[in-house]
C-alpha atoms as a PDB file:
ATOM      1  CA  MET A   1    -110.292  44.432 214.813  1.00  0.00           C
ATOM      2  CA  ASP A   2    -107.114  45.430 216.666  1.00  0.00           C
ATOM      3  CA  LYS A   3    -105.387  47.900 214.356  1.00  0.00           C
ATOM      4  CA  ASN A   4    -102.056  47.156 216.016  1.00  0.00           C
ATOM      5  CA  LYS A   5    -102.334  43.414 215.308  1.00  0.00           C
ATOM      6  CA  LYS A   6     -99.846  42.447 212.611  1.00  0.00           C
ATOM      7  CA  GLN A   7    -101.154  40.581 209.592  1.00  0.00           C
ATOM      8  CA  ILE A   8    -100.095  36.923 209.576  1.00  0.00           C
ATOM      9  CA  ILE A   9     -98.887  35.791 206.167  1.00  0.00           C
ATOM     10  CA  SER A  10     -98.852  32.009 206.075  1.00  0.00           C
ATOM     11  CA  PRO A  11     -97.221  29.799 203.405  1.00  0.00           C
ATOM     12  CA  GLY A  12     -99.409  29.271 200.371  1.00  0.00           C
ATOM     13  CA  LEU A  13    -100.485  30.823 197.116  1.00  0.00           C
ATOM     14  CA  TYR A  14    -101.733  34.419 197.178  1.00  0.00           C
ATOM     15  CA  ILE A  15    -103.873  35.776 194.357  1.00  0.00           C
ATOM     16  CA  VAL A  16    -102.984  39.446 194.507  1.00  0.00           C
ATOM     17  CA  SER A  17    -104.981  42.156 192.759  1.00  0.00           C
ATOM     18  CA  THR A  18    -102.907  45.009 191.339  1.00  0.00           C
ATOM     19  CA  PRO A  19    -103.893  48.414 189.831  1.00  0.00           C
ATOM     20  CA  ILE A  20    -105.642  48.549 186.476  1.00  0.00           C
ATOM     21  CA  GLY A  21    -104.036  51.894 185.837  1.00  0.00           C
ATOM     22  CA  ASN A  22    -103.652  54.200 188.794  1.00  0.00           C
ATOM     23  CA  MET A  23    -100.877  53.014 191.122  1.00  0.00           C
ATOM     24  CA  GLU A  24    -102.658  54.502 194.148  1.00  0.00           C
ATOM     25  CA  ASP A  25    -105.369  51.865 193.902  1.00  0.00           C
ATOM     26  CA  ILE A  26    -103.202  49.095 195.349  1.00  0.00           C
ATOM     27  CA  THR A  27    -104.089  48.003 198.878  1.00  0.00           C
ATOM     28  CA  PHE A  28    -101.833  48.001 201.912  1.00  0.00           C
ATOM     29  CA  ARG A  29    -102.477  44.276 202.299  1.00  0.00           C
ATOM     30  CA  ALA A  30    -101.389  43.583 198.733  1.00  0.00           C
ATOM     31  CA  LEU A  31     -98.136  45.446 199.333  1.00  0.00           C
ATOM     32  CA  ASN A  32     -97.495  43.552 202.582  1.00  0.00           C
ATOM     33  CA  VAL A  33     -98.037  40.196 200.858  1.00  0.00           C
ATOM     34  CA  LEU A  34     -95.796  41.087 197.889  1.00  0.00           C
ATOM     35  CA  LYS A  35     -93.049  42.242 200.243  1.00  0.00           C
ATOM     36  CA  SER A  36     -93.280  38.963 202.165  1.00  0.00           C
ATOM     37  CA  SER A  37     -93.329  36.711 199.100  1.00  0.00           C
ATOM     38  CA  ASP A  38     -90.508  34.315 198.281  1.00  0.00           C
ATOM     39  CA  ILE A  39     -91.605  34.217 194.640  1.00  0.00           C
ATOM     40  CA  ILE A  40     -93.951  36.428 192.605  1.00  0.00           C
ATOM     41  CA  LEU A  41     -95.554  34.861 189.523  1.00  0.00           C
ATOM     42  CA  CYS A  42     -96.411  37.317 186.769  1.00  0.00           C
ATOM     43  CA  GLU A  43     -97.444  37.476 183.148  1.00  0.00           C
ATOM     44  CA  ASP A  44     -94.800  39.954 182.027  1.00  0.00           C
ATOM     45  CA  THR A  45     -91.661  40.516 184.157  1.00  0.00           C
ATOM     46  CA  ARG A  46     -91.117  43.959 182.584  1.00  0.00           C
ATOM     47  CA  ARG A  47     -94.564  45.307 183.460  1.00  0.00           C
ATOM     48  CA  SER A  48     -94.591  43.696 186.894  1.00  0.00           C
ATOM     49  CA  GLY A  49     -91.029  44.899 187.449  1.00  0.00           C
ATOM     50  CA  THR A  50     -92.196  48.472 186.898  1.00  0.00           C
ATOM     51  CA  LEU A  51     -94.986  47.969 189.475  1.00  0.00           C
ATOM     52  CA  LEU A  52     -92.674  46.503 192.125  1.00  0.00           C
ATOM     53  CA  SER A  53     -90.042  49.156 191.493  1.00  0.00           C
ATOM     54  CA  TYR A  54     -92.643  51.896 192.019  1.00  0.00           C
ATOM     55  CA  PHE A  55     -93.265  50.559 195.520  1.00  0.00           C
ATOM     56  CA  GLY A  56     -89.643  49.705 196.255  1.00  0.00           C
ATOM     57  CA  ILE A  57     -90.203  45.931 196.308  1.00  0.00           C
ATOM     58  CA  LYS A  58     -87.316  43.655 195.305  1.00  0.00           C
ATOM     59  CA  LYS A  59     -88.452  40.073 194.900  1.00  0.00           C
ATOM     60  CA  LYS A  60     -87.861  37.220 192.450  1.00  0.00           C
ATOM     61  CA  LEU A  61     -90.231  37.433 189.489  1.00  0.00           C
ATOM     62  CA  VAL A  62     -91.122  34.244 187.660  1.00  0.00           C
ATOM     63  CA  PRO A  63     -92.960  34.388 184.299  1.00  0.00           C
ATOM     64  CA  TYR A  64     -96.271  32.558 184.496  1.00  0.00           C
ATOM     65  CA  HIS A  65     -98.477  32.717 181.428  1.00  0.00           C
ATOM     66  CA  LYS A  66    -100.755  30.547 179.264  1.00  0.00           C
ATOM     67  CA  PHE A  67     -97.780  29.079 177.396  1.00  0.00           C
ATOM     68  CA  ASN A  68     -95.919  27.764 180.429  1.00  0.00           C
ATOM     69  CA  GLU A  69     -98.382  27.461 183.315  1.00  0.00           C
ATOM     70  CA  ILE A  70     -98.789  23.681 183.049  1.00  0.00           C
ATOM     71  CA  LYS A  71     -95.016  23.181 182.691  1.00  0.00           C
ATOM     72  CA  ILE A  72     -93.968  25.118 185.793  1.00  0.00           C
ATOM     73  CA  SER A  73     -96.930  24.323 188.065  1.00  0.00           C
ATOM     74  CA  ASN A  74     -95.101  21.267 189.552  1.00  0.00           C
ATOM     75  CA  ASN A  75     -92.153  23.444 190.689  1.00  0.00           C
ATOM     76  CA  ILE A  76     -94.516  26.012 192.211  1.00  0.00           C
ATOM     77  CA  ILE A  77     -96.445  23.295 194.057  1.00  0.00           C
ATOM     78  CA  ASP A  78     -93.177  21.963 195.498  1.00  0.00           C
ATOM     79  CA  THR A  79     -92.167  25.461 196.526  1.00  0.00           C
ATOM     80  CA  ILE A  80     -95.431  25.977 198.461  1.00  0.00           C
ATOM     81  CA  LYS A  81     -95.071  22.530 200.090  1.00  0.00           C
ATOM     82  CA  ASN A  82     -91.677  23.718 201.378  1.00  0.00           C
ATOM     83  CA  ASN A  83     -93.521  26.389 203.367  1.00  0.00           C
ATOM     84  CA  LYS A  84     -92.821  29.232 200.966  1.00  0.00           C
ATOM     85  CA  ILE A  85     -95.046  32.194 200.166  1.00  0.00           C
ATOM     86  CA  VAL A  86     -95.896  32.484 196.472  1.00  0.00           C
ATOM     87  CA  SER A  87     -97.855  35.439 195.053  1.00  0.00           C
ATOM     88  CA  MET A  88     -99.517  35.625 191.692  1.00  0.00           C
ATOM     89  CA  ILE A  89    -100.171  38.917 189.922  1.00  0.00           C
ATOM     90  CA  SER A  90    -101.443  39.745 186.438  1.00  0.00           C
ATOM     91  CA  ASP A  91    -100.549  42.657 184.183  1.00  0.00           C
ATOM     92  CA  ALA A  92    -103.498  44.546 185.728  1.00  0.00           C
ATOM     93  CA  GLY A  93    -106.449  43.820 187.984  1.00  0.00           C
ATOM     94  CA  THR A  94    -107.375  40.506 189.583  1.00  0.00           C
ATOM     95  CA  PRO A  95    -105.474  37.379 188.417  1.00  0.00           C
ATOM     96  CA  VAL A  96    -107.169  34.199 187.110  1.00  0.00           C
ATOM     97  CA  ILE A  97    -110.227  36.153 185.810  1.00  0.00           C
ATOM     98  CA  SER A  98    -109.606  36.082 182.022  1.00  0.00           C
ATOM     99  CA  ASP A  99    -105.925  35.698 182.901  1.00  0.00           C
ATOM    100  CA  PRO A 100    -103.597  32.729 183.571  1.00  0.00           C
ATOM    101  CA  GLY A 101    -103.668  31.083 186.964  1.00  0.00           C
ATOM    102  CA  LEU A 102    -106.620  28.667 187.018  1.00  0.00           C
ATOM    103  CA  VAL A 103    -104.354  25.645 186.465  1.00  0.00           C
ATOM    104  CA  LEU A 104    -102.300  26.443 189.560  1.00  0.00           C
ATOM    105  CA  VAL A 105    -105.274  27.315 191.722  1.00  0.00           C
ATOM    106  CA  LYS A 106    -106.896  23.985 190.871  1.00  0.00           C
ATOM    107  CA  ARG A 107    -103.673  22.130 191.642  1.00  0.00           C
ATOM    108  CA  CYS A 108    -103.356  23.809 195.029  1.00  0.00           C
ATOM    109  CA  ASN A 109    -106.970  23.098 195.890  1.00  0.00           C
ATOM    110  CA  SER A 110    -106.643  19.439 194.906  1.00  0.00           C
ATOM    111  CA  GLU A 111    -103.585  19.059 197.144  1.00  0.00           C
ATOM    112  CA  ASN A 112    -105.116  20.964 200.055  1.00  0.00           C
ATOM    113  CA  LEU A 113    -102.607  23.786 199.880  1.00  0.00           C
ATOM    114  CA  ASN A 114    -103.603  27.234 201.071  1.00  0.00           C
ATOM    115  CA  VAL A 115    -104.909  29.649 198.439  1.00  0.00           C
ATOM    116  CA  PHE A 116    -105.605  33.214 199.655  1.00  0.00           C
ATOM    117  CA  PRO A 117    -107.435  35.960 197.733  1.00  0.00           C
ATOM    118  CA  ILE A 118    -106.053  39.487 198.152  1.00  0.00           C
ATOM    119  CA  PRO A 119    -108.924  41.543 196.738  1.00  0.00           C
ATOM    120  CA  GLY A 120    -108.522  44.868 195.046  1.00  0.00           C
ATOM    121  CA  PRO A 121    -108.851  46.539 191.632  1.00  0.00           C
ATOM    122  CA  SER A 122    -110.957  44.917 188.938  1.00  0.00           C
ATOM    123  CA  SER A 123    -112.068  46.487 185.654  1.00  0.00           C
ATOM    124  CA  ILE A 124    -115.243  44.372 185.823  1.00  0.00           C
ATOM    125  CA  THR A 125    -116.624  45.819 189.059  1.00  0.00           C
ATOM    126  CA  ALA A 126    -115.226  49.267 188.249  1.00  0.00           C
ATOM    127  CA  ALA A 127    -117.218  49.397 184.996  1.00  0.00           C
ATOM    128  CA  ILE A 128    -120.377  47.920 186.536  1.00  0.00           C
ATOM    129  CA  SER A 129    -120.286  50.449 189.384  1.00  0.00           C
ATOM    130  CA  VAL A 130    -120.547  53.448 187.028  1.00  0.00           C
ATOM    131  CA  ALA A 131    -122.658  51.938 184.237  1.00  0.00           C
ATOM    132  CA  GLY A 132    -125.943  52.507 186.024  1.00  0.00           C
ATOM    133  CA  PHE A 133    -127.411  49.195 184.850  1.00  0.00           C
ATOM    134  CA  SER A 134    -128.831  46.233 186.735  1.00  0.00           C
ATOM    135  CA  GLU A 135    -126.634  45.019 189.580  1.00  0.00           C
ATOM    136  CA  ASN A 136    -127.362  41.460 188.428  1.00  0.00           C
ATOM    137  CA  PHE A 137    -124.698  40.893 185.820  1.00  0.00           C
ATOM    138  CA  LEU A 138    -122.842  38.209 183.876  1.00  0.00           C
ATOM    139  CA  PHE A 139    -119.140  38.420 183.132  1.00  0.00           C
ATOM    140  CA  CYS A 140    -118.211  36.804 179.808  1.00  0.00           C
ATOM    141  CA  GLY A 141    -114.610  37.910 179.442  1.00  0.00           C
ATOM    142  CA  PHE A 142    -113.136  37.766 175.939  1.00  0.00           C
ATOM    143  CA  LEU A 143    -115.467  36.614 173.206  1.00  0.00           C
ATOM    144  CA  THR A 144    -114.519  33.793 170.893  1.00  0.00           C
ATOM    145  CA  LYS A 145    -112.946  34.686 167.530  1.00  0.00           C
ATOM    146  CA  LYS A 146    -114.724  31.898 165.668  1.00  0.00           C
ATOM    147  CA  GLU A 147    -117.640  33.338 163.695  1.00  0.00           C
ATOM    148  CA  SER A 148    -120.118  30.474 164.149  1.00  0.00           C
ATOM    149  CA  ALA A 149    -119.337  30.049 167.844  1.00  0.00           C
ATOM    150  CA  LEU A 150    -119.609  33.794 168.391  1.00  0.00           C
ATOM    151  CA  GLU A 151    -123.008  34.002 166.733  1.00  0.00           C
ATOM    152  CA  LYS A 152    -124.277  31.122 168.876  1.00  0.00           C
ATOM    153  CA  SER A 153    -122.875  32.619 172.062  1.00  0.00           C
ATOM    154  CA  LEU A 154    -124.382  36.080 171.478  1.00  0.00           C
ATOM    155  CA  LYS A 155    -127.733  34.586 170.510  1.00  0.00           C
ATOM    156  CA  ASN A 156    -127.837  32.614 173.782  1.00  0.00           C
ATOM    157  CA  LEU A 157    -126.810  35.657 175.818  1.00  0.00           C
ATOM    158  CA  SER A 158    -129.402  37.884 174.152  1.00  0.00           C
ATOM    159  CA  ILE A 159    -132.193  35.848 175.808  1.00  0.00           C
ATOM    160  CA  LEU A 160    -130.900  36.546 179.324  1.00  0.00           C
ATOM    161  CA  ASN A 161    -132.115  39.654 181.115  1.00  0.00           C
ATOM    162  CA  TYR A 162    -128.936  40.632 182.899  1.00  0.00           C
ATOM    163  CA  SER A 163    -126.252  43.249 182.455  1.00  0.00           C
ATOM    164  CA  ILE A 164    -123.335  41.680 180.568  1.00  0.00           C
ATOM    165  CA  VAL A 165    -119.633  42.514 180.791  1.00  0.00           C
ATOM    166  CA  PHE A 166    -117.092  41.790 178.070  1.00  0.00           C
ATOM    167  CA  PHE A 167    -113.369  42.426 177.558  1.00  0.00           C
ATOM    168  CA  ILE A 168    -112.742  43.531 173.969  1.00  0.00           C
ATOM    169  CA  PRO A 169    -109.446  44.410 172.231  1.00  0.00           C
ATOM    170  CA  ALA A 170    -109.812  48.021 171.049  1.00  0.00           C
ATOM    171  CA  VAL A 171    -108.801  47.140 167.497  1.00  0.00           C
ATOM    172  CA  LYS A 172    -111.817  44.802 167.273  1.00  0.00           C
ATOM    173  CA  ILE A 173    -114.461  47.041 168.855  1.00  0.00           C
ATOM    174  CA  ASN A 174    -116.194  48.021 165.584  1.00  0.00           C
ATOM    175  CA  TYR A 175    -116.523  44.377 164.590  1.00  0.00           C
ATOM    176  CA  TYR A 176    -118.239  43.551 167.883  1.00  0.00           C
ATOM    177  CA  ILE A 177    -120.444  46.636 167.801  1.00  0.00           C
ATOM    178  CA  LEU A 178    -121.969  45.323 164.580  1.00  0.00           C
ATOM    179  CA  LYS A 179    -122.610  41.984 166.301  1.00  0.00           C
ATOM    180  CA  PHE A 180    -124.184  43.708 169.312  1.00  0.00           C
ATOM    181  CA  LYS A 181    -126.515  45.638 167.021  1.00  0.00           C
ATOM    182  CA  LYS A 182    -127.721  42.342 165.637  1.00  0.00           C
ATOM    183  CA  TYR A 183    -128.459  40.691 168.980  1.00  0.00           C
ATOM    184  CA  PHE A 184    -128.786  43.455 171.605  1.00  0.00           C
ATOM    185  CA  GLN A 185    -130.711  46.284 169.950  1.00  0.00           C
ATOM    186  CA  ASP A 186    -132.982  46.628 172.940  1.00  0.00           C
ATOM    187  CA  ARG A 187    -130.119  47.478 175.359  1.00  0.00           C
ATOM    188  CA  GLU A 188    -127.922  50.342 176.400  1.00  0.00           C
ATOM    189  CA  ILE A 189    -124.128  50.195 176.288  1.00  0.00           C
ATOM    190  CA  VAL A 190    -121.191  51.639 178.188  1.00  0.00           C
ATOM    191  CA  ILE A 191    -117.667  51.343 176.752  1.00  0.00           C
ATOM    192  CA  ALA A 192    -114.950  52.008 179.299  1.00  0.00           C
ATOM    193  CA  ARG A 193    -111.413  52.805 178.215  1.00  0.00           C
ATOM    194  CA  GLU A 194    -108.298  53.860 180.129  1.00  0.00           C
ATOM    195  CA  MET A 195    -110.104  53.376 183.448  1.00  0.00           C
ATOM    196  CA  THR A 196    -108.417  55.051 186.468  1.00  0.00           C
ATOM    197  CA  LYS A 197    -105.839  56.657 184.113  1.00  0.00           C
ATOM    198  CA  VAL A 198    -105.406  60.263 183.026  1.00  0.00           C
ATOM    199  CA  HIS A 199    -107.455  59.828 179.843  1.00  0.00           C
ATOM    200  CA  GLU A 200    -110.230  57.763 181.434  1.00  0.00           C
ATOM    201  CA  GLU A 201    -113.348  57.749 179.273  1.00  0.00           C
ATOM    202  CA  PHE A 202    -116.847  56.245 179.362  1.00  0.00           C
ATOM    203  CA  ILE A 203    -118.837  56.182 176.110  1.00  0.00           C
ATOM    204  CA  ARG A 204    -122.555  55.758 176.695  1.00  0.00           C
ATOM    205  CA  GLY A 205    -125.478  55.218 174.412  1.00  0.00           C
ATOM    206  CA  GLN A 206    -127.999  52.799 172.960  1.00  0.00           C
ATOM    207  CA  VAL A 207    -126.673  49.748 171.175  1.00  0.00           C
ATOM    208  CA  LYS A 208    -128.773  50.448 168.075  1.00  0.00           C
ATOM    209  CA  THR A 209    -127.351  53.972 167.666  1.00  0.00           C
ATOM    210  CA  ILE A 210    -123.799  53.727 169.029  1.00  0.00           C
ATOM    211  CA  LYS A 211    -121.280  54.973 166.455  1.00  0.00           C
ATOM    212  CA  GLU A 212    -118.171  53.203 165.239  1.00  0.00           C
ATOM    213  CA  PHE A 213    -114.772  54.162 166.620  1.00  0.00           C
ATOM    214  CA  PRO A 214    -111.901  55.605 164.597  1.00  0.00           C
ATOM    215  CA  LYS A 215    -109.286  53.127 163.468  1.00  0.00           C
ATOM    216  CA  GLY A 216    -106.012  52.784 165.382  1.00  0.00           C
ATOM    217  CA  LEU A 217    -107.586  52.561 168.821  1.00  0.00           C
ATOM    218  CA  LYS A 218    -105.228  50.748 171.190  1.00  0.00           C
ATOM    219  CA  GLY A 219    -105.515  48.794 174.423  1.00  0.00           C
ATOM    220  CA  GLU A 220    -108.318  46.787 175.916  1.00  0.00           C
ATOM    221  CA  LEU A 221    -111.914  47.951 176.475  1.00  0.00           C
ATOM    222  CA  THR A 222    -114.362  46.911 179.126  1.00  0.00           C
ATOM    223  CA  VAL A 223    -117.850  46.864 177.590  1.00  0.00           C
ATOM    224  CA  VAL A 224    -121.069  46.678 179.599  1.00  0.00           C
ATOM    225  CA  LEU A 225    -124.459  45.948 178.046  1.00  0.00           C
ATOM    226  CA  SER A 226    -127.530  46.773 180.093  1.00  0.00           C
ATOM    227  CA  GLU A 227    -130.367  44.474 180.943  1.00  0.00           C
ATOM    228  CA  LYS A 228    -133.194  44.512 178.371  1.00  0.00           C
ATOM    229  CA  ILE A 229    -134.881  47.938 178.086  1.00  0.00           C
ATOM    230  CA  VAL A 230    -138.590  47.279 177.902  1.00  0.00           C
ATOM    231  CA  GLU A 231    -140.661  50.313 176.923  1.00  0.00           C
ATOM    232  CA  LYS A 232    -144.069  50.100 178.555  1.00  0.00           C
ATOM    233  CA  SER A 233    -146.955  50.981 176.290  1.00  0.00           C
ATOM    234  CA  ALA A 234    -149.065  53.656 177.888  1.00  0.00           C
ATOM    235  CA  LYS A 235    -152.423  52.562 179.241  1.00  0.00           C
ATOM    236  CA  LYS A 236    -155.444  54.370 177.865  1.00  0.00           C
ATOM    237  CA  GLU A 237    -158.105  53.177 180.339  1.00  0.00           C
ATOM    238  CA  VAL A 238    -158.334  55.254 183.514  1.00  0.00           C
ATOM    239  CA  ALA A 239    -159.320  53.341 186.631  1.00  0.00           C
ATOM    240  CA  GLU A 240    -162.128  54.729 188.853  1.00  0.00           C
ATOM    241  CA  SER A 241    -159.674  55.034 191.759  1.00  0.00           C
ATOM    242  CA  VAL A 242    -157.420  57.241 189.621  1.00  0.00           C
ATOM    243  CA  LYS A 243    -160.400  59.467 188.617  1.00  0.00           C
ATOM    244  CA  ILE A 244    -161.245  59.920 192.306  1.00  0.00           C
ATOM    245  CA  GLU A 245    -157.624  60.811 193.057  1.00  0.00           C
ATOM    246  CA  ILE A 246    -157.618  63.432 190.268  1.00  0.00           C
ATOM    247  CA  LYS A 247    -160.804  65.026 191.637  1.00  0.00           C
ATOM    248  CA  LYS A 248    -159.264  65.269 195.110  1.00  0.00           C
ATOM    249  CA  MET A 249    -155.997  66.712 193.783  1.00  0.00           C
ATOM    250  CA  LEU A 250    -157.845  69.427 191.815  1.00  0.00           C
ATOM    251  CA  LYS A 251    -158.779  71.083 195.093  1.00  0.00           C
ATOM    252  CA  ARG A 252    -155.099  71.669 195.954  1.00  0.00           C
ATOM    253  CA  TYR A 253    -152.891  71.399 192.864  1.00  0.00           C
ATOM    254  CA  SER A 254    -152.641  72.866 189.375  1.00  0.00           C
ATOM    255  CA  ASN A 255    -153.573  70.950 186.232  1.00  0.00           C
ATOM    256  CA  LYS A 256    -149.890  70.821 185.246  1.00  0.00           C
ATOM    257  CA  ASP A 257    -148.798  69.257 188.557  1.00  0.00           C
ATOM    258  CA  ILE A 258    -151.591  66.718 188.429  1.00  0.00           C
ATOM    259  CA  VAL A 259    -150.806  65.734 184.837  1.00  0.00           C
ATOM    260  CA  GLU A 260    -147.089  65.217 185.632  1.00  0.00           C
ATOM    261  CA  TYR A 261    -147.742  63.230 188.759  1.00  0.00           C
ATOM    262  CA  ILE A 262    -150.569  60.952 187.519  1.00  0.00           C
ATOM    263  CA  SER A 263    -149.037  60.235 184.102  1.00  0.00           C
ATOM    264  CA  LYS A 264    -145.794  58.990 185.672  1.00  0.00           C
ATOM    265  CA  LYS A 265    -147.479  57.121 188.492  1.00  0.00           C
ATOM    266  CA  GLU A 266    -150.097  55.362 186.347  1.00  0.00           C
ATOM    267  CA  ASN A 267    -148.237  55.263 182.996  1.00  0.00           C
ATOM    268  CA  LEU A 268    -151.061  57.173 181.298  1.00  0.00           C
ATOM    269  CA  PRO A 269    -150.871  59.633 178.399  1.00  0.00           C
ATOM    270  CA  LYS A 270    -150.679  63.245 179.626  1.00  0.00           C
ATOM    271  CA  LYS A 271    -153.393  64.357 177.217  1.00  0.00           C
ATOM    272  CA  ILE A 272    -155.952  62.013 178.776  1.00  0.00           C
ATOM    273  CA  ILE A 273    -155.138  63.275 182.296  1.00  0.00           C
ATOM    274  CA  TYR A 274    -155.307  66.888 181.171  1.00  0.00           C
ATOM    275  CA  ASN A 275    -158.719  66.400 179.567  1.00  0.00           C
ATOM    276  CA  LEU A 276    -160.049  64.821 182.757  1.00  0.00           C
ATOM    277  CA  CYS A 277    -158.741  67.773 184.755  1.00  0.00           C
ATOM    278  CA  LEU A 278    -160.637  70.184 182.498  1.00  0.00           C
ATOM    279  CA  LYS A 279    -163.791  68.049 182.683  1.00  0.00           C
ATOM    280  CA  TYR A 280    -163.790  67.750 186.462  1.00  0.00           C
ATOM    281  CA  LYS A 281    -162.832  71.363 187.068  1.00  0.00           C
ATOM    282  CA  LYS A 282    -166.007  72.575 185.323  1.00  0.00           C
ATOM    283  CA  LYS A 283    -168.036  70.657 187.928  1.00  0.00           C
ATOM    284  CA  ILE A 284    -166.211  72.069 190.924  1.00  0.00           C
END
């Protein structure tokens, strides 16, 4: 790609990802689009105003949230049809995902208006990337507050063998931990808080032993549950091919090295391997 070629910003709706904490995480493309926008839709004009001010961007901010998105969508559609550039940002991360915006995106798609993703920060992928769990994951966003619906949802999810990502208000984390212990005892958990910020923290452990948090915790947590952890029961029968391998290894390696290697490779108890080493060594 020609690095001197200027980015073309056509009329349409731009879904612009913004930092989840650290201002340095914004992309050059996101800044160019915001600077070129005729209107910037946002959840909270005060928070978004702080972001734009930090980068020296002065543009018209229009509140766009779950309480008014249907009402103002017609005006936004007309604005785009008049060849204007409209950007949408959320308080943090990638818009539309567990944030307002889906109504407008659907309207634009139905009327064949351009919708452009401007990728960037996301607490979902950030948490998954450091969790160390399966790369096959489900994102469930915020869980329902209704007890019966919650129980049904978690029961259904517990059957699936994927990593699972949730957004959870910090003040409710202990409530959900109790629910996780009921349905996800055979999994590991990572609780991410203040990601990319000064006090970034990742709490790791097993669901069945994770401790409750102190009261008064603020903000929003990104919680990742691992795929199911299946503990293999050690085999006790030793195949003839393994016995032959042990005999060959005894000519070059110590009992300790053989025990470590074979037990891991074949999922066999170390004691059985060690006893075979002693038995075969007497015959050498």
